[in-house]
Protein backbone atom coordinates (compact mmCIF):
# COMPACT_ATOMS: atom_id res chain seq x y z
CA UNK A 1 172.30 48.92 138.15
CA UNK A 2 172.87 50.45 134.71
CA UNK A 3 170.48 47.88 133.19
CA UNK A 4 167.71 48.81 135.64
CA UNK A 5 168.18 52.51 134.87
CA UNK A 6 167.95 51.80 131.13
CA UNK A 7 164.70 49.89 131.63
CA UNK A 8 163.32 52.71 133.79
CA UNK A 9 164.27 55.32 131.19
CA UNK A 10 162.72 53.24 128.37
CA UNK A 11 159.48 52.83 130.35
CA UNK A 12 159.27 56.53 131.24
CA UNK A 13 159.90 57.45 127.61
CA UNK A 14 157.28 55.13 126.11
CA UNK A 15 154.59 54.87 128.81
CA UNK A 16 152.92 58.20 129.51
CA UNK A 17 150.12 57.01 131.78
CA UNK A 18 151.03 56.83 135.48
CA UNK A 19 148.44 54.07 136.01
CA UNK A 20 150.02 51.88 133.33
CA UNK A 21 153.48 52.58 134.77
CA UNK A 22 152.23 51.45 138.16
CA UNK A 23 150.81 48.23 136.67
CA UNK A 24 154.08 47.55 134.86
CA UNK A 25 156.07 48.24 138.04
CA UNK A 26 153.99 45.85 140.15
CA UNK A 27 154.01 43.20 137.42
CA UNK A 28 157.80 43.43 137.18
CA UNK A 29 158.07 43.29 140.97
CA UNK A 30 155.83 40.23 141.11
CA UNK A 31 157.84 38.57 138.35
CA UNK A 32 161.04 39.23 140.28
CA UNK A 33 159.56 37.66 143.40
CA UNK A 34 158.35 34.69 141.33
CA UNK A 35 161.81 34.28 139.82
CA UNK A 36 163.44 34.18 143.24
CA UNK A 37 160.77 31.76 144.49
CA UNK A 38 161.30 29.56 141.42
CA UNK A 39 165.05 29.49 142.04
CA UNK A 40 164.55 28.63 145.71
CA UNK A 41 162.09 25.80 144.99
CA UNK A 42 163.63 24.49 141.78
CA UNK A 43 164.97 21.30 143.34
CA UNK A 44 161.58 20.42 144.86
CA UNK A 45 159.15 21.53 142.17
CA UNK A 46 159.03 23.43 138.90
CA UNK A 47 155.57 24.87 139.59
CA UNK A 48 156.81 28.40 140.35
CA UNK A 49 159.19 28.26 137.37
CA UNK A 50 156.26 27.70 135.02
CA UNK A 51 154.29 30.46 136.73
CA UNK A 52 157.28 32.73 136.10
CA UNK A 53 157.54 31.77 132.40
CA UNK A 54 153.78 32.26 131.89
CA UNK A 55 153.98 35.62 133.66
CA UNK A 56 156.96 36.66 131.58
CA UNK A 57 155.09 35.90 128.34
CA UNK A 58 152.02 37.76 129.54
CA UNK A 59 154.06 40.73 130.76
CA UNK A 60 155.85 40.92 127.39
CA UNK A 61 152.53 41.04 125.52
CA UNK A 62 150.97 43.55 127.93
CA UNK A 63 153.97 45.88 127.89
CA UNK A 64 154.23 46.20 124.11
CA UNK A 65 150.47 46.43 123.69
CA UNK A 66 150.41 49.30 126.21
CA UNK A 67 153.17 51.07 124.31
CA UNK A 68 151.30 50.76 121.01
CA UNK A 69 147.95 51.89 122.40
CA UNK A 70 149.44 54.98 123.99
CA UNK A 71 151.45 55.93 120.91
CA UNK A 72 148.54 55.36 118.56
CA UNK A 73 145.86 57.16 120.57
CA UNK A 74 148.14 60.00 121.63
CA UNK A 75 149.06 60.65 117.99
CA UNK A 76 145.39 60.51 116.97
CA UNK A 77 144.30 62.87 119.76
CA UNK A 78 147.10 65.35 119.05
CA UNK A 79 146.55 65.13 115.30
CA UNK A 80 150.16 64.14 114.64
CA UNK A 81 149.41 60.74 113.14
CA UNK A 82 151.01 60.55 109.70
CA UNK A 83 151.05 56.79 109.27
CA UNK A 84 147.84 55.49 107.68
CA UNK A 85 149.02 51.90 108.00
CA UNK A 86 149.90 52.07 111.70
CA UNK A 87 146.85 50.06 112.84
CA UNK A 88 147.48 47.41 110.18
CA UNK A 89 151.15 47.16 111.07
CA UNK A 90 150.37 46.92 114.74
CA UNK A 91 147.75 44.25 114.16
CA UNK A 92 150.35 42.31 112.20
CA UNK A 93 152.97 42.76 114.92
CA UNK A 94 150.46 41.87 117.66
CA UNK A 95 149.41 38.74 115.83
CA UNK A 96 153.03 37.73 115.30
CA UNK A 97 153.70 38.29 119.00
CA UNK A 98 150.66 36.18 119.93
CA UNK A 99 151.74 33.52 117.41
CA UNK A 100 155.18 33.37 119.03
CA UNK A 101 153.53 33.19 122.47
CA UNK A 102 151.39 30.28 121.25
CA UNK A 103 154.41 28.44 119.90
CA UNK A 104 156.27 28.95 123.18
CA UNK A 105 153.28 27.78 125.23
CA UNK A 106 152.90 24.73 123.01
CA UNK A 107 156.58 23.84 123.38
CA UNK A 108 156.38 24.42 127.16
CA UNK A 109 153.41 22.06 127.42
CA UNK A 110 154.43 19.36 124.96
CA UNK A 111 158.20 19.24 124.94
CA UNK A 112 159.06 20.34 128.48
CA UNK A 113 155.97 18.93 130.25
CA UNK A 114 155.03 22.21 131.91
CA UNK A 115 152.25 22.33 134.44
CA UNK A 116 149.26 23.85 132.58
CA UNK A 117 147.75 25.30 135.77
CA UNK A 118 151.04 27.06 136.56
CA UNK A 119 151.21 28.51 133.04
CA UNK A 120 147.62 29.76 133.32
CA UNK A 121 148.35 31.39 136.67
CA UNK A 122 151.39 33.07 135.15
CA UNK A 123 149.48 34.25 132.09
CA UNK A 124 146.90 35.94 134.32
CA UNK A 125 149.41 38.07 136.28
CA UNK A 126 148.85 41.42 134.44
CA UNK A 127 145.10 40.85 134.40
CA UNK A 128 145.07 40.12 138.15
CA UNK A 129 147.28 43.09 139.00
CA UNK A 130 144.83 45.68 137.68
CA UNK A 131 141.93 44.94 140.10
CA UNK A 132 144.36 44.58 143.01
CA UNK A 133 145.78 48.04 142.32
CA UNK A 134 142.28 49.50 141.99
CA UNK A 135 141.24 48.01 145.34
CA UNK A 136 144.38 49.34 147.02
CA UNK A 137 143.82 52.77 145.46
CA UNK A 138 140.25 52.97 146.75
CA UNK A 139 141.31 52.06 150.31
CA UNK A 140 143.78 54.99 150.56
C-alpha cells in the first residue's frame, strides 16, 4: 500500500493536468488487468503477456513525455524557465528512451519470439485510451 501511495504522490506532484492524470490512471488500470490476465493465461498462451510488455513500454514513454511537456511549457508560460538547454536535453533523453524501447522490442521479437501483433496492441494502449476517455466524457 505504501508503494501505491508513493506512486500517487509522485504523479500528483509531476502531472498538473487532470486529463493527463485520468489517462495515466486508466492506462495503469488497464495494465494491471492485462498483467492479471497474462498470469491467468500464461500456461495456455503468452499473447496477453506480450500485450502487457508492449503496454508497459508505451506507458513508460507516455508518462515521462507527459512530465516533460508539462514542466517545459509551464515554466515557459510562467516565465520561470532558466535552462536554455532544456529542450536539447529532453530531446536527448527522449531519444535515449526510444532507443532503449527499440532495443527491448528487438530482443522481445528476435530472442524471445514475441508475438508482433500482441506487442503492437500493447504499444497502442495509451493512444487508444485517449479517444475512449473522450467518448465517455461526451456521453456524461
